[in-house]
């Protein structure tokens, strides 16, 4: 029995990247990229760590692509980092300026799951666009397990993106999100259908610029478009498009009773 399992696994093992190496690279890259580790206090140390991280990325990519392509993509990725850093600094600044609980840049870097998720979504999305197999999903799923935020690497997300709290957020593969969008915990941007034959179609909604989507709202469907400057209230369920400057909210009835004791029941025997 064990030999049968071994033989079945053997034909796939050569094609599987080292998951642990990818997760290790994610953590080390985050500390290096934002200068959190004190060992990077000199540029010499910073540059040395950069070369080590580039070599690690090359090895990770080489596990799923040809070595020449892996080398090119690793070099290209690190060349892109200054512009990526600028975009992420804007994401960080939005959190600091908008969230009254954010006391410092360091606090956001070290304790905000939303910013961690945004950082590695932007990295995973870049690799996704380069058509790197498997690795973008490994990155996104590691972030998912660490933060509770599930963003498919195929999702397109604009500048100054803000996730507040974040737990339970789901953003599907073909989602398009504009600039200056804010998502709260439990938001789902999903598909109306999960049929396999729809894999190449746009299945998830498009969110305009300056849109706020509050907790536990669900927006579904590839044809669904939310216009600029709209506000989607908590617990709203949407499967249709909305024009710009729309406010949608879920109305529920709340019954308040006083705390006095109920009258005693009538005692009777049948």
C-alpha atoms as a PDB file:
ATOM      1  CA  UNK A   1       0.000   0.000   0.000  1.00  0.00           C
ATOM      2  CA  UNK A   2       2.744   2.472   0.946  1.00  0.00           C
ATOM      3  CA  UNK A   3       4.610   1.753  -2.309  1.00  0.00           C
ATOM      4  CA  UNK A   4       1.465   2.525  -4.299  1.00  0.00           C
ATOM      5  CA  UNK A   5       1.169   5.897  -2.578  1.00  0.00           C
ATOM      6  CA  UNK A   6       4.885   6.520  -3.106  1.00  0.00           C
ATOM      7  CA  UNK A   7       4.682   5.803  -6.822  1.00  0.00           C
ATOM      8  CA  UNK A   8       1.652   8.051  -7.246  1.00  0.00           C
ATOM      9  CA  UNK A   9       3.344  10.895  -5.409  1.00  0.00           C
ATOM     10  CA  UNK A  10       6.666  10.479  -7.160  1.00  0.00           C
ATOM     11  CA  UNK A  11       5.461  11.731 -10.527  1.00  0.00           C
ATOM     12  CA  UNK A  12       4.302  15.000  -8.939  1.00  0.00           C
ATOM     13  CA  UNK A  13       7.043  15.666  -6.402  1.00  0.00           C
ATOM     14  CA  UNK A  14       9.407  17.158  -8.989  1.00  0.00           C
ATOM     15  CA  UNK A  15       6.847  19.853  -9.803  1.00  0.00           C
ATOM     16  CA  UNK A  16       6.037  21.001  -6.261  1.00  0.00           C
ATOM     17  CA  UNK A  17       7.717  24.113  -4.842  1.00  0.00           C
ATOM     18  CA  UNK A  18       8.969  24.124  -1.254  1.00  0.00           C
ATOM     19  CA  UNK A  19       6.087  25.694   0.655  1.00  0.00           C
ATOM     20  CA  UNK A  20       8.196  26.295   3.755  1.00  0.00           C
ATOM     21  CA  UNK A  21      10.838  28.178   1.732  1.00  0.00           C
ATOM     22  CA  UNK A  22       8.180  30.478   0.292  1.00  0.00           C
ATOM     23  CA  UNK A  23       6.742  31.246   3.735  1.00  0.00           C
ATOM     24  CA  UNK A  24      10.214  31.893   5.155  1.00  0.00           C
ATOM     25  CA  UNK A  25      10.965  34.264   2.272  1.00  0.00           C
ATOM     26  CA  UNK A  26       7.713  36.175   2.898  1.00  0.00           C
ATOM     27  CA  UNK A  27       8.583  36.860   6.525  1.00  0.00           C
ATOM     28  CA  UNK A  28      12.209  37.804   5.871  1.00  0.00           C
ATOM     29  CA  UNK A  29      11.303  39.985   2.902  1.00  0.00           C
ATOM     30  CA  UNK A  30       8.736  41.958   4.940  1.00  0.00           C
ATOM     31  CA  UNK A  31      11.283  42.835   7.642  1.00  0.00           C
ATOM     32  CA  UNK A  32      13.926  43.755   5.095  1.00  0.00           C
ATOM     33  CA  UNK A  33      11.623  45.732   2.793  1.00  0.00           C
ATOM     34  CA  UNK A  34      10.406  48.018   5.592  1.00  0.00           C
ATOM     35  CA  UNK A  35      13.697  48.247   7.487  1.00  0.00           C
ATOM     36  CA  UNK A  36      12.311  46.624  10.618  1.00  0.00           C
ATOM     37  CA  UNK A  37      15.356  44.462  11.361  1.00  0.00           C
ATOM     38  CA  UNK A  38      18.108  46.420  13.151  1.00  0.00           C
ATOM     39  CA  UNK A  39      20.789  44.393  11.337  1.00  0.00           C
ATOM     40  CA  UNK A  40      19.992  46.475   8.248  1.00  0.00           C
ATOM     41  CA  UNK A  41      21.142  49.691   9.895  1.00  0.00           C
ATOM     42  CA  UNK A  42      23.924  50.084   7.294  1.00  0.00           C
ATOM     43  CA  UNK A  43      23.439  50.081   3.542  1.00  0.00           C
ATOM     44  CA  UNK A  44      26.078  47.366   3.201  1.00  0.00           C
ATOM     45  CA  UNK A  45      24.027  44.994   5.347  1.00  0.00           C
ATOM     46  CA  UNK A  46      20.837  46.060   3.613  1.00  0.00           C
ATOM     47  CA  UNK A  47      22.320  45.315   0.191  1.00  0.00           C
ATOM     48  CA  UNK A  48      23.733  41.986   1.342  1.00  0.00           C
ATOM     49  CA  UNK A  49      20.302  40.909   2.572  1.00  0.00           C
ATOM     50  CA  UNK A  50      18.781  42.036  -0.739  1.00  0.00           C
ATOM     51  CA  UNK A  51      21.094  39.714  -2.673  1.00  0.00           C
ATOM     52  CA  UNK A  52      20.250  36.829  -0.353  1.00  0.00           C
ATOM     53  CA  UNK A  53      16.516  37.433  -0.750  1.00  0.00           C
ATOM     54  CA  UNK A  54      16.881  37.646  -4.521  1.00  0.00           C
ATOM     55  CA  UNK A  55      18.720  34.326  -4.572  1.00  0.00           C
ATOM     56  CA  UNK A  56      16.015  32.755  -2.406  1.00  0.00           C
ATOM     57  CA  UNK A  57      13.316  34.074  -4.729  1.00  0.00           C
ATOM     58  CA  UNK A  58      15.192  32.682  -7.714  1.00  0.00           C
ATOM     59  CA  UNK A  59      15.284  29.227  -6.100  1.00  0.00           C
ATOM     60  CA  UNK A  60      11.562  29.414  -5.297  1.00  0.00           C
ATOM     61  CA  UNK A  61      10.672  30.445  -8.853  1.00  0.00           C
ATOM     62  CA  UNK A  62      13.044  27.870 -10.339  1.00  0.00           C
ATOM     63  CA  UNK A  63      10.997  25.152  -8.637  1.00  0.00           C
ATOM     64  CA  UNK A  64       8.049  25.965 -10.931  1.00  0.00           C
ATOM     65  CA  UNK A  65       9.661  27.497 -14.053  1.00  0.00           C
ATOM     66  CA  UNK A  66      12.786  27.154 -16.181  1.00  0.00           C
ATOM     67  CA  UNK A  67      15.915  28.495 -14.482  1.00  0.00           C
ATOM     68  CA  UNK A  68      16.482  31.188 -17.086  1.00  0.00           C
ATOM     69  CA  UNK A  69      12.965  32.518 -16.646  1.00  0.00           C
ATOM     70  CA  UNK A  70      13.290  32.290 -12.862  1.00  0.00           C
ATOM     71  CA  UNK A  71      16.481  34.376 -12.979  1.00  0.00           C
ATOM     72  CA  UNK A  72      14.873  36.998 -15.210  1.00  0.00           C
ATOM     73  CA  UNK A  73      11.749  37.252 -13.072  1.00  0.00           C
ATOM     74  CA  UNK A  74      13.694  37.486  -9.801  1.00  0.00           C
ATOM     75  CA  UNK A  75      15.875  40.274 -11.233  1.00  0.00           C
ATOM     76  CA  UNK A  76      12.845  42.062 -12.685  1.00  0.00           C
ATOM     77  CA  UNK A  77      10.985  41.851  -9.391  1.00  0.00           C
ATOM     78  CA  UNK A  78      13.781  43.476  -7.404  1.00  0.00           C
ATOM     79  CA  UNK A  79      14.164  46.189 -10.039  1.00  0.00           C
ATOM     80  CA  UNK A  80      10.476  46.981  -9.542  1.00  0.00           C
ATOM     81  CA  UNK A  81      10.750  47.350  -5.754  1.00  0.00           C
ATOM     82  CA  UNK A  82      11.224  51.151  -5.558  1.00  0.00           C
ATOM     83  CA  UNK A  83       7.913  51.798  -7.345  1.00  0.00           C
ATOM     84  CA  UNK A  84       6.203  49.054  -5.319  1.00  0.00           C
ATOM     85  CA  UNK A  85       7.533  50.621  -2.123  1.00  0.00           C
ATOM     86  CA  UNK A  86       6.047  53.989  -3.104  1.00  0.00           C
ATOM     87  CA  UNK A  87       2.609  52.441  -3.690  1.00  0.00           C
ATOM     88  CA  UNK A  88       2.696  50.611  -0.375  1.00  0.00           C
ATOM     89  CA  UNK A  89       3.807  53.717   1.495  1.00  0.00           C
ATOM     90  CA  UNK A  90       0.619  55.367   0.217  1.00  0.00           C
ATOM     91  CA  UNK A  91      -1.383  52.404   1.543  1.00  0.00           C
ATOM     92  CA  UNK A  92       0.342  52.780   4.903  1.00  0.00           C
ATOM     93  CA  UNK A  93      -0.239  56.537   5.009  1.00  0.00           C
ATOM     94  CA  UNK A  94      -3.976  56.049   4.404  1.00  0.00           C
ATOM     95  CA  UNK A  95      -4.185  53.699   7.380  1.00  0.00           C
ATOM     96  CA  UNK A  96      -2.305  56.137   9.607  1.00  0.00           C
ATOM     97  CA  UNK A  97      -4.374  59.154   8.547  1.00  0.00           C
ATOM     98  CA  UNK A  98      -7.763  57.434   8.630  1.00  0.00           C
ATOM     99  CA  UNK A  99      -7.623  55.027  11.557  1.00  0.00           C
ATOM    100  CA  UNK A 100      -7.729  56.887  14.907  1.00  0.00           C
ATOM    101  CA  UNK A 101      -6.308  53.779  16.608  1.00  0.00           C
ATOM    102  CA  UNK A 102      -3.090  53.899  14.541  1.00  0.00           C
ATOM    103  CA  UNK A 103      -0.436  55.567  16.667  1.00  0.00           C
ATOM    104  CA  UNK A 104       2.674  55.150  14.523  1.00  0.00           C
ATOM    105  CA  UNK A 105       4.162  53.724  11.358  1.00  0.00           C
ATOM    106  CA  UNK A 106       5.865  50.985  13.375  1.00  0.00           C
ATOM    107  CA  UNK A 107       2.562  49.934  14.935  1.00  0.00           C
ATOM    108  CA  UNK A 108       0.979  49.540  11.499  1.00  0.00           C
ATOM    109  CA  UNK A 109       3.928  47.558  10.146  1.00  0.00           C
ATOM    110  CA  UNK A 110       4.107  45.181  13.079  1.00  0.00           C
ATOM    111  CA  UNK A 111       0.493  44.738  14.143  1.00  0.00           C
ATOM    112  CA  UNK A 112      -1.921  45.545  11.293  1.00  0.00           C
ATOM    113  CA  UNK A 113      -2.948  42.368   9.423  1.00  0.00           C
ATOM    114  CA  UNK A 114      -4.594  44.452   6.704  1.00  0.00           C
ATOM    115  CA  UNK A 115      -1.326  46.096   5.743  1.00  0.00           C
ATOM    116  CA  UNK A 116       0.523  42.774   5.746  1.00  0.00           C
ATOM    117  CA  UNK A 117      -2.169  41.389   3.440  1.00  0.00           C
ATOM    118  CA  UNK A 118      -1.979  44.403   1.104  1.00  0.00           C
ATOM    119  CA  UNK A 119       1.811  44.174   0.873  1.00  0.00           C
ATOM    120  CA  UNK A 120       1.854  40.561  -0.228  1.00  0.00           C
ATOM    121  CA  UNK A 121      -1.192  40.843  -2.415  1.00  0.00           C
ATOM    122  CA  UNK A 122       0.647  43.443  -4.485  1.00  0.00           C
ATOM    123  CA  UNK A 123       3.637  41.094  -4.710  1.00  0.00           C
ATOM    124  CA  UNK A 124       1.526  38.028  -5.512  1.00  0.00           C
ATOM    125  CA  UNK A 125      -0.440  39.980  -8.121  1.00  0.00           C
ATOM    126  CA  UNK A 126       2.752  41.043  -9.884  1.00  0.00           C
ATOM    127  CA  UNK A 127       3.940  37.430 -10.019  1.00  0.00           C
ATOM    128  CA  UNK A 128       0.462  36.392 -11.210  1.00  0.00           C
ATOM    129  CA  UNK A 129       0.693  38.837 -14.112  1.00  0.00           C
ATOM    130  CA  UNK A 130       4.090  37.339 -15.000  1.00  0.00           C
ATOM    131  CA  UNK A 131       2.249  33.991 -15.284  1.00  0.00           C
ATOM    132  CA  UNK A 132       4.303  32.364 -12.549  1.00  0.00           C
ATOM    133  CA  UNK A 133       2.457  29.175 -11.553  1.00  0.00           C
ATOM    134  CA  UNK A 134       1.590  28.154  -7.969  1.00  0.00           C
ATOM    135  CA  UNK A 135       3.811  30.663  -6.120  1.00  0.00           C
ATOM    136  CA  UNK A 136       1.295  33.567  -6.146  1.00  0.00           C
ATOM    137  CA  UNK A 137      -1.282  31.231  -4.586  1.00  0.00           C
ATOM    138  CA  UNK A 138       1.212  30.037  -1.975  1.00  0.00           C
ATOM    139  CA  UNK A 139       1.817  33.655  -1.016  1.00  0.00           C
ATOM    140  CA  UNK A 140      -1.859  34.563  -0.844  1.00  0.00           C
ATOM    141  CA  UNK A 141      -2.798  31.457   1.127  1.00  0.00           C
ATOM    142  CA  UNK A 142       0.004  31.989   3.630  1.00  0.00           C
ATOM    143  CA  UNK A 143      -1.287  35.518   4.171  1.00  0.00           C
ATOM    144  CA  UNK A 144      -4.819  34.100   4.447  1.00  0.00           C
ATOM    145  CA  UNK A 145      -3.748  31.656   7.162  1.00  0.00           C
ATOM    146  CA  UNK A 146      -1.874  34.388   9.027  1.00  0.00           C
ATOM    147  CA  UNK A 147      -4.434  37.215   8.822  1.00  0.00           C
ATOM    148  CA  UNK A 148      -7.836  35.713   7.956  1.00  0.00           C
ATOM    149  CA  UNK A 149      -7.862  37.884   4.805  1.00  0.00           C
ATOM    150  CA  UNK A 150      -8.341  35.939   1.566  1.00  0.00           C
ATOM    151  CA  UNK A 151      -7.398  37.925  -1.553  1.00  0.00           C
ATOM    152  CA  UNK A 152      -6.860  35.986  -4.761  1.00  0.00           C
ATOM    153  CA  UNK A 153      -3.616  37.087  -6.472  1.00  0.00           C
ATOM    154  CA  UNK A 154      -5.529  37.737  -9.684  1.00  0.00           C
ATOM    155  CA  UNK A 155      -7.615  40.531  -8.124  1.00  0.00           C
ATOM    156  CA  UNK A 156      -6.765  44.030  -9.384  1.00  0.00           C
ATOM    157  CA  UNK A 157      -6.517  46.590  -6.587  1.00  0.00           C
ATOM    158  CA  UNK A 158      -5.890  50.310  -7.021  1.00  0.00           C
ATOM    159  CA  UNK A 159      -3.888  52.770  -4.956  1.00  0.00           C
ATOM    160  CA  UNK A 160      -4.408  53.778  -1.315  1.00  0.00           C
ATOM    161  CA  UNK A 161      -6.296  50.610  -0.417  1.00  0.00           C
ATOM    162  CA  UNK A 162      -7.430  50.374   3.207  1.00  0.00           C
ATOM    163  CA  UNK A 163      -8.497  47.235   5.058  1.00  0.00           C
ATOM    164  CA  UNK A 164      -9.861  47.864   8.552  1.00  0.00           C
ATOM    165  CA  UNK A 165      -9.685  44.869  10.920  1.00  0.00           C
ATOM    166  CA  UNK A 166      -9.907  42.534   7.933  1.00  0.00           C
ATOM    167  CA  UNK A 167     -10.896  39.191   9.437  1.00  0.00           C
ATOM    168  CA  UNK A 168     -13.098  37.236   7.048  1.00  0.00           C
ATOM    169  CA  UNK A 169     -12.586  39.419   3.965  1.00  0.00           C
ATOM    170  CA  UNK A 170     -12.776  37.463   0.682  1.00  0.00           C
ATOM    171  CA  UNK A 171     -11.826  39.016  -2.670  1.00  0.00           C
ATOM    172  CA  UNK A 172     -12.215  36.813  -5.746  1.00  0.00           C
ATOM    173  CA  UNK A 173      -9.887  36.321  -8.682  1.00  0.00           C
ATOM    174  CA  UNK A 174     -11.497  38.639 -11.257  1.00  0.00           C
ATOM    175  CA  UNK A 175     -12.412  41.424  -8.832  1.00  0.00           C
ATOM    176  CA  UNK A 176     -11.409  44.943  -9.894  1.00  0.00           C
ATOM    177  CA  UNK A 177     -11.053  47.547  -7.129  1.00  0.00           C
ATOM    178  CA  UNK A 178     -10.384  51.220  -7.862  1.00  0.00           C
ATOM    179  CA  UNK A 179      -8.376  53.805  -5.939  1.00  0.00           C
ATOM    180  CA  UNK A 180      -9.120  54.951  -2.376  1.00  0.00           C
ATOM    181  CA  UNK A 181     -11.367  52.010  -1.478  1.00  0.00           C
ATOM    182  CA  UNK A 182     -12.003  50.914   2.120  1.00  0.00           C
ATOM    183  CA  UNK A 183     -13.094  47.434   3.169  1.00  0.00           C
ATOM    184  CA  UNK A 184     -14.174  46.356   6.632  1.00  0.00           C
ATOM    185  CA  UNK A 185     -14.182  42.900   8.188  1.00  0.00           C
ATOM    186  CA  UNK A 186     -16.291  40.149   6.679  1.00  0.00           C
ATOM    187  CA  UNK A 187     -16.735  41.745   3.242  1.00  0.00           C
ATOM    188  CA  UNK A 188     -17.119  39.284   0.362  1.00  0.00           C
ATOM    189  CA  UNK A 189     -16.497  40.269  -3.252  1.00  0.00           C
ATOM    190  CA  UNK A 190     -17.466  37.001  -4.874  1.00  0.00           C
ATOM    191  CA  UNK A 191     -19.011  35.149  -7.786  1.00  0.00           C
ATOM    192  CA  UNK A 192     -22.646  34.280  -8.391  1.00  0.00           C
ATOM    193  CA  UNK A 193     -21.652  30.931  -9.879  1.00  0.00           C
ATOM    194  CA  UNK A 194     -18.704  28.628  -9.309  1.00  0.00           C
ATOM    195  CA  UNK A 195     -19.112  26.519 -12.463  1.00  0.00           C
ATOM    196  CA  UNK A 196     -15.744  25.369 -13.814  1.00  0.00           C
ATOM    197  CA  UNK A 197     -16.606  26.362 -17.384  1.00  0.00           C
ATOM    198  CA  UNK A 198     -16.750  30.010 -16.237  1.00  0.00           C
ATOM    199  CA  UNK A 199     -13.103  30.011 -15.118  1.00  0.00           C
ATOM    200  CA  UNK A 200     -11.972  32.325 -17.931  1.00  0.00           C
ATOM    201  CA  UNK A 201     -14.850  34.779 -17.531  1.00  0.00           C
ATOM    202  CA  UNK A 202     -15.149  37.759 -15.217  1.00  0.00           C
ATOM    203  CA  UNK A 203     -17.029  36.324 -12.263  1.00  0.00           C
ATOM    204  CA  UNK A 204     -16.450  38.911  -9.538  1.00  0.00           C
ATOM    205  CA  UNK A 205     -17.595  42.525  -9.107  1.00  0.00           C
ATOM    206  CA  UNK A 206     -15.919  45.803 -10.052  1.00  0.00           C
ATOM    207  CA  UNK A 207     -15.639  48.460  -7.349  1.00  0.00           C
ATOM    208  CA  UNK A 208     -15.169  52.105  -8.345  1.00  0.00           C
ATOM    209  CA  UNK A 209     -12.993  54.793  -6.771  1.00  0.00           C
ATOM    210  CA  UNK A 210     -13.586  56.218  -3.280  1.00  0.00           C
ATOM    211  CA  UNK A 211     -15.969  53.419  -2.289  1.00  0.00           C
ATOM    212  CA  UNK A 212     -16.497  52.304   1.315  1.00  0.00           C
ATOM    213  CA  UNK A 213     -17.869  48.818   2.022  1.00  0.00           C
ATOM    214  CA  UNK A 214     -18.807  48.147   5.638  1.00  0.00           C
ATOM    215  CA  UNK A 215     -18.682  44.945   7.668  1.00  0.00           C
ATOM    216  CA  UNK A 216     -20.195  41.707   6.362  1.00  0.00           C
ATOM    217  CA  UNK A 217     -21.466  43.201   3.105  1.00  0.00           C
ATOM    218  CA  UNK A 218     -21.597  40.748   0.187  1.00  0.00           C
ATOM    219  CA  UNK A 219     -21.288  41.859  -3.447  1.00  0.00           C
ATOM    220  CA  UNK A 220     -21.502  39.170  -6.109  1.00  0.00           C
ATOM    221  CA  UNK A 221     -21.264  38.761  -9.868  1.00  0.00           C
ATOM    222  CA  UNK A 222     -18.970  39.667 -12.736  1.00  0.00           C
ATOM    223  CA  UNK A 223     -21.491  42.108 -14.192  1.00  0.00           C
ATOM    224  CA  UNK A 224     -21.936  43.929 -10.871  1.00  0.00           C
ATOM    225  CA  UNK A 225     -20.348  47.385 -10.824  1.00  0.00           C
ATOM    226  CA  UNK A 226     -20.324  49.756  -7.859  1.00  0.00           C
ATOM    227  CA  UNK A 227     -20.031  53.396  -8.908  1.00  0.00           C
ATOM    228  CA  UNK A 228     -17.521  55.901  -7.551  1.00  0.00           C
ATOM    229  CA  UNK A 229     -18.060  57.480  -4.122  1.00  0.00           C
ATOM    230  CA  UNK A 230     -20.673  54.900  -3.116  1.00  0.00           C
ATOM    231  CA  UNK A 231     -21.189  53.623   0.426  1.00  0.00           C
ATOM    232  CA  UNK A 232     -22.291  50.040   1.042  1.00  0.00           C
ATOM    233  CA  UNK A 233     -23.601  49.512   4.554  1.00  0.00           C
ATOM    234  CA  UNK A 234     -23.027  46.531   6.805  1.00  0.00           C
ATOM    235  CA  UNK A 235     -24.780  43.219   6.042  1.00  0.00           C
ATOM    236  CA  UNK A 236     -25.933  44.393   2.597  1.00  0.00           C
ATOM    237  CA  UNK A 237     -26.331  41.716  -0.098  1.00  0.00           C
ATOM    238  CA  UNK A 238     -25.872  43.001  -3.665  1.00  0.00           C
ATOM    239  CA  UNK A 239     -26.022  41.269  -7.038  1.00  0.00           C
ATOM    240  CA  UNK A 240     -26.792  44.319  -9.181  1.00  0.00           C
ATOM    241  CA  UNK A 241     -24.864  47.408 -10.244  1.00  0.00           C
ATOM    242  CA  UNK A 242     -25.111  50.807  -8.580  1.00  0.00           C
ATOM    243  CA  UNK A 243     -24.504  54.302  -9.993  1.00  0.00           C
ATOM    244  CA  UNK A 244     -21.986  56.661  -8.447  1.00  0.00           C
ATOM    245  CA  UNK A 245     -22.761  58.408  -5.137  1.00  0.00           C
ATOM    246  CA  UNK A 246     -25.171  55.661  -4.047  1.00  0.00           C
ATOM    247  CA  UNK A 247     -25.741  54.816  -0.388  1.00  0.00           C
ATOM    248  CA  UNK A 248     -27.092  51.321   0.333  1.00  0.00           C
ATOM    249  CA  UNK A 249     -27.871  50.032   3.794  1.00  0.00           C
ATOM    250  CA  UNK A 250     -29.561  47.056   5.386  1.00  0.00           C
ATOM    251  CA  UNK A 251     -32.561  47.959   7.543  1.00  0.00           C
ATOM    252  CA  UNK A 252     -33.420  45.603  10.357  1.00  0.00           C
ATOM    253  CA  UNK A 253     -35.912  45.840  13.203  1.00  0.00           C
ATOM    254  CA  UNK A 254     -34.586  45.971  16.722  1.00  0.00           C
ATOM    255  CA  UNK A 255     -37.005  45.287  19.591  1.00  0.00           C
ATOM    256  CA  UNK A 256     -36.034  46.614  23.015  1.00  0.00           C
ATOM    257  CA  UNK A 257     -37.684  45.276  26.146  1.00  0.00           C
ATOM    258  CA  UNK A 258     -37.303  46.487  29.689  1.00  0.00           C
ATOM    259  CA  UNK A 259     -35.574  44.320  32.219  1.00  0.00           C
ATOM    260  CA  UNK A 260     -38.531  43.847  34.545  1.00  0.00           C
ATOM    261  CA  UNK A 261     -39.577  40.327  35.410  1.00  0.00           C
ATOM    262  CA  UNK A 262     -42.352  38.741  33.400  1.00  0.00           C
ATOM    263  CA  UNK A 263     -45.640  38.172  35.257  1.00  0.00           C
ATOM    264  CA  UNK A 264     -45.835  34.770  36.955  1.00  0.00           C
ATOM    265  CA  UNK A 265     -47.367  31.999  34.819  1.00  0.00           C
ATOM    266  CA  UNK A 266     -50.909  30.794  35.543  1.00  0.00           C
ATOM    267  CA  UNK A 267     -50.867  27.421  37.235  1.00  0.00           C
ATOM    268  CA  UNK A 268     -53.378  24.993  35.842  1.00  0.00           C
ATOM    269  CA  UNK A 269     -53.848  21.255  35.513  1.00  0.00           C
ATOM    270  CA  UNK A 270     -55.480  19.433  32.643  1.00  0.00           C
END
